[in-house]
Amino acid sequence: MANERNFSFVHPLSLHQYLKNGRQSIGSSMALYAMTLFIFPESQWLKPAEFAIIKKAIKNSSLALRLINDLGSYEREHAHKTLNSLVVLMKQGETIESAQEKISSLIEKNLAISKQRKKFLPLKCRPFFTALDRGNLNKLEHAKEFFADKLAEN
């Protein structure tokens, strides 16, 4: 959160810088780590190598959730002059439509990479990835529908 205070709606950072901070500030990491405890009870705790896989998945999912949130909250955040990924792209010359397409593409790419990695995981880690896929895909579809409806209204 402290990093976000240094961002400016008028002079935003690059998309890369925004996303680096954004994946941390979305707050999903704590919820995803808690989900890990439910999926892997004490009797099935992960080995360090397995936990490293889960940790990377949480980082990637946090980025996808940040971008999904940005799609769904653009109007409100724009009205309050709050920086999000769409605003960053628009300040770089993108239209709202092209910014939405780029962010949607980043989300889909991120989720596709996660799905590809899932194929090579130890069996013990797969339930976590299945839960992530279901949650992220549902949020993505909801955000896309919401955003498309808002654009159609304008």
Foldseek 3Di string as FASTA:
>chain_A
DVVQVVAFLLHGDALVVQLVVQLVPVPCLVVLVVVVCVLQPPVRDDDPVLVVVSVVVSSLLSSLVLLLVCLQCVVVCVVVSRDGQLSNVVSVPDDSVVSNVVSLVSNVVSLVVLVVVLVVHDPSNNVSSVVSSVVSVVSNVVSVVNNVVVVVVD
